[in-house]
Structure formats: C-alpha cells, structure tokens
Amino acid sequence: MEFTEEQINRYSRHILLPEVGGKGQKKIAKAKILLVGAGGLGSPAALYLAAAGVGTIGLIDSDVVDLTNLQRQIIHHTADVGRPKVLSGKEKIQALNPDVTVSMYEERLTAGNALKIFQDYDVIIDGVDNFTAKFLINDACFFADKPLVHGGILRFDGRVTTIIPKKSACYRCVFKQPPPPGLVASCQEAGVIGVLAGIIGTIQATEALKLVLGIGRPLTDRLLDFDAKKTQFREIKVKRNPSCALCGEHPTITDLFDDGDPYAGCAVRPSLT
C-alpha cells in the first residue's frame, strides 16, 4: 500500500520514529484490533488507536450510553445518551480519522460468538466490566491464538497485563478462584475516578501498537498496577502455571463456557470498568 501526501503528513510524527518509520506505519494501517467493551477503557484506547491509523477497529458492546458513563467514557457525548455505544464510538472514531474502518458488534460476547469474532483480528483488548467476561475473553484468545491486552480499574486502582497464548502466563494462571458473591464491589457500587480509565486505556493501546509493530518489551508475565492516589506504578512478576486449567500441562478446560462456567474466577484486586 502507498500513503497519500495527506496521510504522510497526518502520520509524520510516527514516521519520524526509527522504530516505526514508513514500514511500521503501514503495519499499523493493515492492523485489525478488537475492543471488547466501548466504555471506560475502550474509549481512550479506541481514540488513540484511531489517531495512530489502525486500519480496522472492532467494537463489541451490547450496551447503550448512560449519563453516568460520561464521567469517564470519553468517546461518548451528552447527545449520545440512550444510543448504542458501538454506534456512538464508530462515529467519533471516523470523525477523528476517516482512514479507519470500524466494525460494530452490538451484542454481548458469548462462548458462541467469541471465536468467530476474534478470528478476524490481530490483537484483542479487554475493556469489559465483569469477571466472567474477562475469563471468557482470556479463554477465547487462547483457543483463537490471539494476543490479549487485559485492563481493569476500580476506585483509584488500575491494572494492565499482556498475554501471548502458549508463551506467557494467562489470566487463569494468576487468578484461580472467584470471590464469594457480594465480596467485590463494582464501579457502580464503589465508584471510580474517571481519569484512571484514560491512564489504563492508553497503556492498553500502547501495548497493542507495540505488538503490531513488533517493538519493545510487552507486559507479558508482568502485572502493571497503578495507584492513582499515590501516582505510583508497581510491577508484579508472574509466570505460567503448569497446573493451569487452561494452558497448563494437563488442561481441564478444552472449550469455551458462558455464564455459569464452573471454572470462572476473578482477579484478587477488582478489575472493573
């Protein structure tokens, strides 16, 4: 593919980088990245990926915009309240960068549709707000052999990690058991500082671009935690668990499960958007 003069000008600050250049920008233009969730984390990730010139951005979300979303879900505007998030997101992405193709999936991610949707993308970004969905995304990425950039936020705390199937620790390697019902509060119950979504979501977008470009050191086998009150990052090293039910030496999970998955678990620290 060849860029027009306008595109060369648009992406000139990328092209100036030795690690990117014209070849790297063409990789970005050919990339297909799926955002599971067009909310707090999906909003900043989508906007920065669009600005970067990612060729195809997929948005999967069954929800509509609510007034309470606007405190952190910056891709949506006041006039969008009541409209499907995928439609609102698509409009903002293409207004920012007409070069980007946006694929909309106005549906809930399930075991029945996950593999079919994931197969068309190079990188999957997890921006969902419940633990069952996070495990479903992890498992679907494993079976589809797709890199996953996980993110989660609650109150003043955020977390990011990148998972390469069969090469790095997966979500189930680290977080094995769900909390007792009612133990972990949601953002709706406990709140979240809105700007935290921007910090974590843009880190997720950075990880996705690094994977597309094949540069740098991804956040594999590492959990990057951010404490917004202290403005402090902490890195926790993790490793593949040979006893992991999904990617271990003797896996017991051989297919995807929907809600009620007997193996479903969650993070020790809440990871909600």
C-alpha atoms as a PDB file:
ATOM      1  CA  MET A   1       0.000   0.000   0.000  1.00  0.00           C
ATOM      2  CA  GLU A   2       1.087   3.573  -0.635  1.00  0.00           C
ATOM      3  CA  PHE A   3       0.206   6.556   1.515  1.00  0.00           C
ATOM      4  CA  THR A   4      -1.169   9.771   0.090  1.00  0.00           C
ATOM      5  CA  GLU A   5       0.586  13.048   0.832  1.00  0.00           C
ATOM      6  CA  GLU A   6      -2.166  13.846   3.322  1.00  0.00           C
ATOM      7  CA  GLN A   7      -1.618  10.539   5.138  1.00  0.00           C
ATOM      8  CA  ILE A   8       2.146  11.050   5.208  1.00  0.00           C
ATOM      9  CA  ASN A   9       1.524  14.425   6.806  1.00  0.00           C
ATOM     10  CA  ARG A  10      -1.028  13.009   9.270  1.00  0.00           C
ATOM     11  CA  TYR A  11       1.301  10.248  10.474  1.00  0.00           C
ATOM     12  CA  SER A  12       4.560  12.204  10.111  1.00  0.00           C
ATOM     13  CA  ARG A  13       5.391  12.090  13.843  1.00  0.00           C
ATOM     14  CA  HIS A  14       5.196   8.301  13.725  1.00  0.00           C
ATOM     15  CA  ILE A  15       7.173   8.069  10.521  1.00  0.00           C
ATOM     16  CA  LEU A  16       9.964  10.136  12.090  1.00  0.00           C
ATOM     17  CA  LEU A  17      10.464   7.469  14.746  1.00  0.00           C
ATOM     18  CA  PRO A  18      13.198   4.973  13.737  1.00  0.00           C
ATOM     19  CA  GLU A  19      11.193   2.215  15.462  1.00  0.00           C
ATOM     20  CA  VAL A  20       8.162   2.950  13.298  1.00  0.00           C
ATOM     21  CA  GLY A  21       9.027   4.700  10.041  1.00  0.00           C
ATOM     22  CA  GLY A  22       7.041   4.195   6.861  1.00  0.00           C
ATOM     23  CA  LYS A  23       7.129   0.408   7.116  1.00  0.00           C
ATOM     24  CA  GLY A  24       5.824   0.463  10.656  1.00  0.00           C
ATOM     25  CA  GLN A  25       3.048   2.867   9.789  1.00  0.00           C
ATOM     26  CA  LYS A  26       1.982   0.519   7.015  1.00  0.00           C
ATOM     27  CA  LYS A  27       1.827  -2.292   9.586  1.00  0.00           C
ATOM     28  CA  ILE A  28      -0.426  -0.117  11.711  1.00  0.00           C
ATOM     29  CA  ALA A  29      -2.609   0.655   8.688  1.00  0.00           C
ATOM     30  CA  LYS A  30      -3.033  -3.054   7.993  1.00  0.00           C
ATOM     31  CA  ALA A  31      -3.686  -3.979  11.638  1.00  0.00           C
ATOM     32  CA  LYS A  32      -7.027  -5.138  12.971  1.00  0.00           C
ATOM     33  CA  ILE A  33      -7.656  -4.562  16.668  1.00  0.00           C
ATOM     34  CA  LEU A  34     -10.803  -5.571  18.562  1.00  0.00           C
ATOM     35  CA  LEU A  35     -12.029  -3.675  21.613  1.00  0.00           C
ATOM     36  CA  VAL A  36     -14.280  -5.795  23.793  1.00  0.00           C
ATOM     37  CA  GLY A  37     -16.214  -3.050  25.526  1.00  0.00           C
ATOM     38  CA  ALA A  38     -16.714   0.513  24.302  1.00  0.00           C
ATOM     39  CA  GLY A  39     -16.730   2.040  27.774  1.00  0.00           C
ATOM     40  CA  GLY A  40     -14.185   3.441  30.190  1.00  0.00           C
ATOM     41  CA  LEU A  41     -11.141   1.573  28.874  1.00  0.00           C
ATOM     42  CA  GLY A  42     -12.355   1.129  25.323  1.00  0.00           C
ATOM     43  CA  SER A  43     -12.937   4.867  24.877  1.00  0.00           C
ATOM     44  CA  PRO A  44      -9.342   6.148  25.206  1.00  0.00           C
ATOM     45  CA  ALA A  45      -7.929   3.019  23.585  1.00  0.00           C
ATOM     46  CA  ALA A  46     -10.201   3.419  20.562  1.00  0.00           C
ATOM     47  CA  LEU A  47      -9.447   7.105  20.113  1.00  0.00           C
ATOM     48  CA  TYR A  48      -5.672   6.703  20.305  1.00  0.00           C
ATOM     49  CA  LEU A  49      -5.658   3.656  18.055  1.00  0.00           C
ATOM     50  CA  ALA A  50      -7.753   5.581  15.552  1.00  0.00           C
ATOM     51  CA  ALA A  51      -5.408   8.546  15.767  1.00  0.00           C
ATOM     52  CA  ALA A  52      -2.476   6.177  15.196  1.00  0.00           C
ATOM     53  CA  GLY A  53      -4.040   4.995  11.943  1.00  0.00           C
ATOM     54  CA  VAL A  54      -5.023   1.431  12.830  1.00  0.00           C
ATOM     55  CA  GLY A  55      -6.719   0.113   9.707  1.00  0.00           C
ATOM     56  CA  THR A  56      -9.621  -1.725  11.316  1.00  0.00           C
ATOM     57  CA  ILE A  57     -11.037  -1.255  14.801  1.00  0.00           C
ATOM     58  CA  GLY A  58     -13.724  -3.612  16.028  1.00  0.00           C
ATOM     59  CA  LEU A  59     -16.145  -2.571  18.761  1.00  0.00           C
ATOM     60  CA  ILE A  60     -18.253  -5.150  20.594  1.00  0.00           C
ATOM     61  CA  ASP A  61     -20.703  -3.878  23.198  1.00  0.00           C
ATOM     62  CA  SER A  62     -24.408  -4.565  23.728  1.00  0.00           C
ATOM     63  CA  ASP A  63     -24.991  -1.538  25.964  1.00  0.00           C
ATOM     64  CA  VAL A  64     -26.341   1.948  25.335  1.00  0.00           C
ATOM     65  CA  VAL A  65     -24.812   5.188  26.592  1.00  0.00           C
ATOM     66  CA  ASP A  66     -25.950   6.204  30.068  1.00  0.00           C
ATOM     67  CA  LEU A  67     -25.479   9.604  31.670  1.00  0.00           C
ATOM     68  CA  THR A  68     -23.306   8.045  34.381  1.00  0.00           C
ATOM     69  CA  ASN A  69     -20.896   6.797  31.689  1.00  0.00           C
ATOM     70  CA  LEU A  70     -19.874  10.289  30.618  1.00  0.00           C
ATOM     71  CA  GLN A  71     -17.656  10.871  33.670  1.00  0.00           C
ATOM     72  CA  ARG A  72     -15.051   8.501  32.173  1.00  0.00           C
ATOM     73  CA  GLN A  73     -16.222   7.103  28.807  1.00  0.00           C
ATOM     74  CA  ILE A  74     -14.871  10.000  26.768  1.00  0.00           C
ATOM     75  CA  ILE A  75     -15.754   8.633  23.340  1.00  0.00           C
ATOM     76  CA  HIS A  76     -19.423   9.305  24.130  1.00  0.00           C
ATOM     77  CA  HIS A  77     -21.028  12.750  24.377  1.00  0.00           C
ATOM     78  CA  THR A  78     -24.118  14.056  26.155  1.00  0.00           C
ATOM     79  CA  ALA A  79     -26.172  13.845  22.967  1.00  0.00           C
ATOM     80  CA  ASP A  80     -25.350  10.117  22.757  1.00  0.00           C
ATOM     81  CA  VAL A  81     -27.244   9.166  25.922  1.00  0.00           C
ATOM     82  CA  GLY A  82     -29.591   6.318  25.032  1.00  0.00           C
ATOM     83  CA  ARG A  83     -27.770   5.446  21.803  1.00  0.00           C
ATOM     84  CA  PRO A  84     -25.837   2.187  21.224  1.00  0.00           C
ATOM     85  CA  LYS A  85     -22.246   2.544  22.383  1.00  0.00           C
ATOM     86  CA  VAL A  86     -20.873   0.876  19.257  1.00  0.00           C
ATOM     87  CA  LEU A  87     -22.622   3.382  17.022  1.00  0.00           C
ATOM     88  CA  SER A  88     -21.537   6.341  19.120  1.00  0.00           C
ATOM     89  CA  GLY A  89     -17.976   5.005  19.169  1.00  0.00           C
ATOM     90  CA  LYS A  90     -17.885   4.420  15.428  1.00  0.00           C
ATOM     91  CA  GLU A  91     -18.975   7.993  14.721  1.00  0.00           C
ATOM     92  CA  LYS A  92     -16.268   9.507  16.942  1.00  0.00           C
ATOM     93  CA  ILE A  93     -13.539   7.246  15.550  1.00  0.00           C
ATOM     94  CA  GLN A  94     -14.348   8.075  11.942  1.00  0.00           C
ATOM     95  CA  ALA A  95     -14.731  11.777  12.726  1.00  0.00           C
ATOM     96  CA  LEU A  96     -11.200  11.670  14.153  1.00  0.00           C
ATOM     97  CA  ASN A  97      -9.723   9.591  11.336  1.00  0.00           C
ATOM     98  CA  PRO A  98     -11.670   8.692   8.172  1.00  0.00           C
ATOM     99  CA  ASP A  99      -8.891   6.243   7.236  1.00  0.00           C
ATOM    100  CA  VAL A 100     -10.135   3.812   9.886  1.00  0.00           C
ATOM    101  CA  THR A 101     -12.683   1.097   9.156  1.00  0.00           C
ATOM    102  CA  VAL A 102     -14.918   0.391  12.155  1.00  0.00           C
ATOM    103  CA  SER A 103     -16.702  -2.943  12.567  1.00  0.00           C
ATOM    104  CA  MET A 104     -19.600  -2.891  15.027  1.00  0.00           C
ATOM    105  CA  TYR A 105     -20.908  -5.836  17.042  1.00  0.00           C
ATOM    106  CA  GLU A 106     -23.937  -4.682  19.005  1.00  0.00           C
ATOM    107  CA  GLU A 107     -24.124  -7.865  21.036  1.00  0.00           C
ATOM    108  CA  ARG A 108     -22.837  -9.482  24.191  1.00  0.00           C
ATOM    109  CA  LEU A 109     -19.697 -11.561  23.855  1.00  0.00           C
ATOM    110  CA  THR A 110     -20.536 -15.235  24.401  1.00  0.00           C
ATOM    111  CA  ALA A 111     -18.928 -18.611  24.019  1.00  0.00           C
ATOM    112  CA  GLY A 112     -20.998 -18.969  20.870  1.00  0.00           C
ATOM    113  CA  ASN A 113     -19.678 -15.900  19.048  1.00  0.00           C
ATOM    114  CA  ALA A 114     -16.268 -15.178  20.578  1.00  0.00           C
ATOM    115  CA  LEU A 115     -14.082 -17.373  18.363  1.00  0.00           C
ATOM    116  CA  LYS A 116     -15.879 -16.318  15.193  1.00  0.00           C
ATOM    117  CA  ILE A 117     -15.353 -12.635  16.009  1.00  0.00           C
ATOM    118  CA  PHE A 118     -11.799 -12.966  17.335  1.00  0.00           C
ATOM    119  CA  GLN A 119     -10.502 -14.841  14.290  1.00  0.00           C
ATOM    120  CA  ASP A 120     -10.606 -11.678  12.171  1.00  0.00           C
ATOM    121  CA  TYR A 121      -8.360  -9.607  14.468  1.00  0.00           C
ATOM    122  CA  ASP A 122      -4.647  -9.350  15.265  1.00  0.00           C
ATOM    123  CA  VAL A 123      -4.942  -8.133  18.872  1.00  0.00           C
ATOM    124  CA  ILE A 124      -7.788  -8.235  21.396  1.00  0.00           C
ATOM    125  CA  ILE A 125      -8.211  -5.545  24.078  1.00  0.00           C
ATOM    126  CA  ASP A 126     -10.226  -6.421  27.183  1.00  0.00           C
ATOM    127  CA  GLY A 127     -12.267  -3.452  28.398  1.00  0.00           C
ATOM    128  CA  VAL A 128     -15.196  -5.279  29.973  1.00  0.00           C
ATOM    129  CA  ASP A 129     -16.693  -4.727  33.414  1.00  0.00           C
ATOM    130  CA  ASN A 130     -17.293  -8.182  34.834  1.00  0.00           C
ATOM    131  CA  PHE A 131     -15.161 -11.110  35.872  1.00  0.00           C
ATOM    132  CA  THR A 132     -16.960 -13.833  33.915  1.00  0.00           C
ATOM    133  CA  ALA A 133     -16.444 -11.926  30.674  1.00  0.00           C
ATOM    134  CA  LYS A 134     -12.756 -11.410  31.425  1.00  0.00           C
ATOM    135  CA  PHE A 135     -12.235 -15.132  31.744  1.00  0.00           C
ATOM    136  CA  LEU A 136     -14.234 -15.783  28.596  1.00  0.00           C
ATOM    137  CA  ILE A 137     -12.030 -13.311  26.702  1.00  0.00           C
ATOM    138  CA  ASN A 138      -8.883 -14.931  28.090  1.00  0.00           C
ATOM    139  CA  ASP A 139     -10.043 -18.396  27.094  1.00  0.00           C
ATOM    140  CA  ALA A 140     -11.230 -17.317  23.647  1.00  0.00           C
ATOM    141  CA  CYS A 141      -7.866 -15.661  22.954  1.00  0.00           C
ATOM    142  CA  PHE A 142      -6.119 -18.874  23.980  1.00  0.00           C
ATOM    143  CA  PHE A 143      -8.194 -21.042  21.648  1.00  0.00           C
ATOM    144  CA  ALA A 144      -8.018 -18.481  18.822  1.00  0.00           C
ATOM    145  CA  ASP A 145      -4.275 -17.928  19.424  1.00  0.00           C
ATOM    146  CA  LYS A 146      -4.679 -14.141  19.652  1.00  0.00           C
ATOM    147  CA  PRO A 147      -2.650 -11.740  21.838  1.00  0.00           C
ATOM    148  CA  LEU A 148      -4.707 -10.186  24.624  1.00  0.00           C
ATOM    149  CA  VAL A 149      -4.207  -6.879  26.419  1.00  0.00           C
ATOM    150  CA  HIS A 150      -6.103  -7.031  29.701  1.00  0.00           C
ATOM    151  CA  GLY A 151      -7.071  -3.974  31.714  1.00  0.00           C
ATOM    152  CA  GLY A 152      -9.149  -3.221  34.762  1.00  0.00           C
ATOM    153  CA  ILE A 153      -9.983  -0.255  37.007  1.00  0.00           C
ATOM    154  CA  LEU A 154     -11.837   0.351  40.275  1.00  0.00           C
ATOM    155  CA  ARG A 155     -11.823   3.280  42.696  1.00  0.00           C
ATOM    156  CA  PHE A 156      -8.262   4.654  42.319  1.00  0.00           C
ATOM    157  CA  ASP A 157      -6.553   1.432  41.199  1.00  0.00           C
ATOM    158  CA  GLY A 158      -5.814   0.120  37.731  1.00  0.00           C
ATOM    159  CA  ARG A 159      -4.031  -2.851  36.194  1.00  0.00           C
ATOM    160  CA  VAL A 160      -2.697  -3.869  32.769  1.00  0.00           C
ATOM    161  CA  THR A 161      -1.098  -7.066  31.517  1.00  0.00           C
ATOM    162  CA  THR A 162      -0.443  -8.560  28.092  1.00  0.00           C
ATOM    163  CA  ILE A 163      -0.982 -12.232  27.365  1.00  0.00           C
ATOM    164  CA  ILE A 164       0.531 -14.182  24.473  1.00  0.00           C
ATOM    165  CA  PRO A 165      -1.186 -17.586  24.259  1.00  0.00           C
ATOM    166  CA  LYS A 166       1.052 -20.569  24.954  1.00  0.00           C
ATOM    167  CA  LYS A 167       4.033 -18.264  25.586  1.00  0.00           C
ATOM    168  CA  SER A 168       3.189 -16.186  28.645  1.00  0.00           C
ATOM    169  CA  ALA A 169       1.082 -16.551  31.754  1.00  0.00           C
ATOM    170  CA  CYS A 170      -2.630 -16.361  31.013  1.00  0.00           C
ATOM    171  CA  TYR A 171      -5.298 -14.787  33.217  1.00  0.00           C
ATOM    172  CA  ARG A 172      -6.162 -18.176  34.704  1.00  0.00           C
ATOM    173  CA  CYS A 173      -2.520 -18.828  35.573  1.00  0.00           C
ATOM    174  CA  VAL A 174      -2.649 -15.966  38.047  1.00  0.00           C
ATOM    175  CA  PHE A 175      -6.266 -15.663  39.212  1.00  0.00           C
ATOM    176  CA  LYS A 176      -7.801 -19.010  40.047  1.00  0.00           C
ATOM    177  CA  GLN A 177     -10.891 -18.566  42.212  1.00  0.00           C
ATOM    178  CA  PRO A 178     -13.830 -16.161  42.139  1.00  0.00           C
ATOM    179  CA  PRO A 179     -14.584 -14.150  45.261  1.00  0.00           C
ATOM    180  CA  PRO A 180     -17.657 -15.060  47.291  1.00  0.00           C
ATOM    181  CA  PRO A 181     -20.791 -13.351  45.926  1.00  0.00           C
ATOM    182  CA  GLY A 182     -21.015  -9.752  47.070  1.00  0.00           C
ATOM    183  CA  LEU A 183     -17.433  -9.571  48.338  1.00  0.00           C
ATOM    184  CA  VAL A 184     -16.057  -7.484  45.477  1.00  0.00           C
ATOM    185  CA  ALA A 185     -17.845  -4.216  44.783  1.00  0.00           C
ATOM    186  CA  SER A 186     -18.468  -2.935  41.273  1.00  0.00           C
ATOM    187  CA  CYS A 187     -17.756   0.559  39.969  1.00  0.00           C
ATOM    188  CA  GLN A 188     -21.471   1.243  40.293  1.00  0.00           C
ATOM    189  CA  GLU A 189     -21.233   0.374  43.979  1.00  0.00           C
ATOM    190  CA  ALA A 190     -17.752   1.605  44.873  1.00  0.00           C
ATOM    191  CA  GLY A 191     -17.019   4.287  42.260  1.00  0.00           C
ATOM    192  CA  VAL A 192     -14.014   5.011  40.091  1.00  0.00           C
ATOM    193  CA  ILE A 193     -12.022   8.183  39.430  1.00  0.00           C
ATOM    194  CA  GLY A 194     -12.766   8.942  35.785  1.00  0.00           C
ATOM    195  CA  VAL A 195      -9.269   9.886  34.639  1.00  0.00           C
ATOM    196  CA  LEU A 196      -7.999   6.449  35.660  1.00  0.00           C
ATOM    197  CA  ALA A 197      -9.774   4.981  32.642  1.00  0.00           C
ATOM    198  CA  GLY A 198      -7.690   7.245  30.414  1.00  0.00           C
ATOM    199  CA  ILE A 199      -4.418   6.164  32.006  1.00  0.00           C
ATOM    200  CA  ILE A 200      -5.097   2.444  31.827  1.00  0.00           C
ATOM    201  CA  GLY A 201      -6.840   2.553  28.446  1.00  0.00           C
ATOM    202  CA  THR A 202      -3.968   4.399  26.785  1.00  0.00           C
ATOM    203  CA  ILE A 203      -1.462   1.934  28.238  1.00  0.00           C
ATOM    204  CA  GLN A 204      -3.544  -0.827  26.679  1.00  0.00           C
ATOM    205  CA  ALA A 205      -3.448   0.992  23.339  1.00  0.00           C
ATOM    206  CA  THR A 206       0.330   1.337  23.671  1.00  0.00           C
ATOM    207  CA  GLU A 207       0.684  -2.385  24.281  1.00  0.00           C
ATOM    208  CA  ALA A 208      -1.457  -3.164  21.242  1.00  0.00           C
ATOM    209  CA  LEU A 209       0.637  -0.918  18.977  1.00  0.00           C
ATOM    210  CA  LYS A 210       3.860  -2.488  20.265  1.00  0.00           C
ATOM    211  CA  LEU A 211       2.501  -5.919  19.387  1.00  0.00           C
ATOM    212  CA  VAL A 212       1.509  -4.762  15.909  1.00  0.00           C
ATOM    213  CA  LEU A 213       4.910  -3.178  15.310  1.00  0.00           C
ATOM    214  CA  GLY A 214       6.900  -5.947  16.982  1.00  0.00           C
ATOM    215  CA  ILE A 215       8.887  -3.476  19.065  1.00  0.00           C
ATOM    216  CA  GLY A 216       9.766  -3.003  22.709  1.00  0.00           C
ATOM    217  CA  ARG A 217       9.002  -5.286  25.623  1.00  0.00           C
ATOM    218  CA  PRO A 218       5.324  -6.145  26.087  1.00  0.00           C
ATOM    219  CA  LEU A 219       3.793  -6.521  29.541  1.00  0.00           C
ATOM    220  CA  THR A 220       3.910 -10.303  29.355  1.00  0.00           C
ATOM    221  CA  ASP A 221       4.441 -12.204  32.611  1.00  0.00           C
ATOM    222  CA  ARG A 222       4.023  -8.882  34.418  1.00  0.00           C
ATOM    223  CA  LEU A 223       1.088  -7.141  36.058  1.00  0.00           C
ATOM    224  CA  LEU A 224       1.425  -3.364  35.935  1.00  0.00           C
ATOM    225  CA  ASP A 225      -0.569  -1.859  38.791  1.00  0.00           C
ATOM    226  CA  PHE A 226      -1.253   1.867  39.114  1.00  0.00           C
ATOM    227  CA  ASP A 227      -2.300   3.647  42.313  1.00  0.00           C
ATOM    228  CA  ALA A 228      -3.760   6.993  41.267  1.00  0.00           C
ATOM    229  CA  LYS A 229      -3.823   8.388  44.804  1.00  0.00           C
ATOM    230  CA  LYS A 230      -0.082   7.876  45.182  1.00  0.00           C
ATOM    231  CA  THR A 231       0.700   8.337  41.465  1.00  0.00           C
ATOM    232  CA  GLN A 232       2.671   5.140  41.780  1.00  0.00           C
ATOM    233  CA  PHE A 233       3.229   2.196  39.445  1.00  0.00           C
ATOM    234  CA  ARG A 234       4.112  -1.255  40.745  1.00  0.00           C
ATOM    235  CA  GLU A 235       5.190  -4.223  38.633  1.00  0.00           C
ATOM    236  CA  ILE A 236       4.374  -7.738  39.777  1.00  0.00           C
ATOM    237  CA  LYS A 237       6.144 -10.595  38.025  1.00  0.00           C
ATOM    238  CA  VAL A 238       4.080 -13.678  37.234  1.00  0.00           C
ATOM    239  CA  LYS A 239       4.773 -16.874  35.315  1.00  0.00           C
ATOM    240  CA  ARG A 240       2.915 -19.625  33.552  1.00  0.00           C
ATOM    241  CA  ASN A 241       1.330 -22.101  35.916  1.00  0.00           C
ATOM    242  CA  PRO A 242       1.997 -25.706  34.845  1.00  0.00           C
ATOM    243  CA  SER A 243      -1.201 -26.629  36.695  1.00  0.00           C
ATOM    244  CA  CYS A 244      -3.311 -24.004  34.917  1.00  0.00           C
ATOM    245  CA  ALA A 245      -6.662 -25.447  33.921  1.00  0.00           C
ATOM    246  CA  LEU A 246      -6.443 -23.762  30.517  1.00  0.00           C
ATOM    247  CA  CYS A 247      -2.806 -23.599  29.376  1.00  0.00           C
ATOM    248  CA  GLY A 248      -1.110 -25.977  31.813  1.00  0.00           C
ATOM    249  CA  GLU A 249       0.429 -29.357  31.194  1.00  0.00           C
ATOM    250  CA  HIS A 250      -2.828 -31.203  31.819  1.00  0.00           C
ATOM    251  CA  PRO A 251      -5.631 -28.778  30.883  1.00  0.00           C
ATOM    252  CA  THR A 252      -9.157 -29.453  32.052  1.00  0.00           C
ATOM    253  CA  ILE A 253     -10.693 -26.604  30.057  1.00  0.00           C
ATOM    254  CA  THR A 254     -10.937 -27.643  26.432  1.00  0.00           C
ATOM    255  CA  ASP A 255     -13.800 -25.449  25.240  1.00  0.00           C
ATOM    256  CA  LEU A 256     -15.442 -22.103  25.961  1.00  0.00           C
ATOM    257  CA  PHE A 257     -18.105 -21.678  28.622  1.00  0.00           C
ATOM    258  CA  ASP A 258     -20.724 -18.984  29.065  1.00  0.00           C
ATOM    259  CA  ASP A 259     -22.161 -17.625  32.322  1.00  0.00           C
ATOM    260  CA  GLY A 260     -22.095 -20.276  34.988  1.00  0.00           C
ATOM    261  CA  ASP A 261     -18.675 -21.542  33.847  1.00  0.00           C
ATOM    262  CA  PRO A 262     -17.616 -23.853  36.680  1.00  0.00           C
ATOM    263  CA  TYR A 263     -14.033 -22.672  36.206  1.00  0.00           C
ATOM    264  CA  ALA A 264     -14.800 -18.941  36.210  1.00  0.00           C
ATOM    265  CA  GLY A 265     -12.650 -16.841  38.503  1.00  0.00           C
ATOM    266  CA  CYS A 266     -11.581 -13.265  39.071  1.00  0.00           C
ATOM    267  CA  ALA A 267      -8.703 -11.031  39.984  1.00  0.00           C
ATOM    268  CA  VAL A 268      -7.582 -10.722  43.582  1.00  0.00           C
ATOM    269  CA  ARG A 269      -7.777  -6.983  43.043  1.00  0.00           C
ATOM    270  CA  PRO A 270     -11.046  -5.857  41.422  1.00  0.00           C
ATOM    271  CA  SER A 271     -10.683  -5.276  37.695  1.00  0.00           C
ATOM    272  CA  LEU A 272     -13.800  -3.498  36.532  1.00  0.00           C
ATOM    273  CA  THR A 273     -14.561  -0.600  34.206  1.00  0.00           C
END
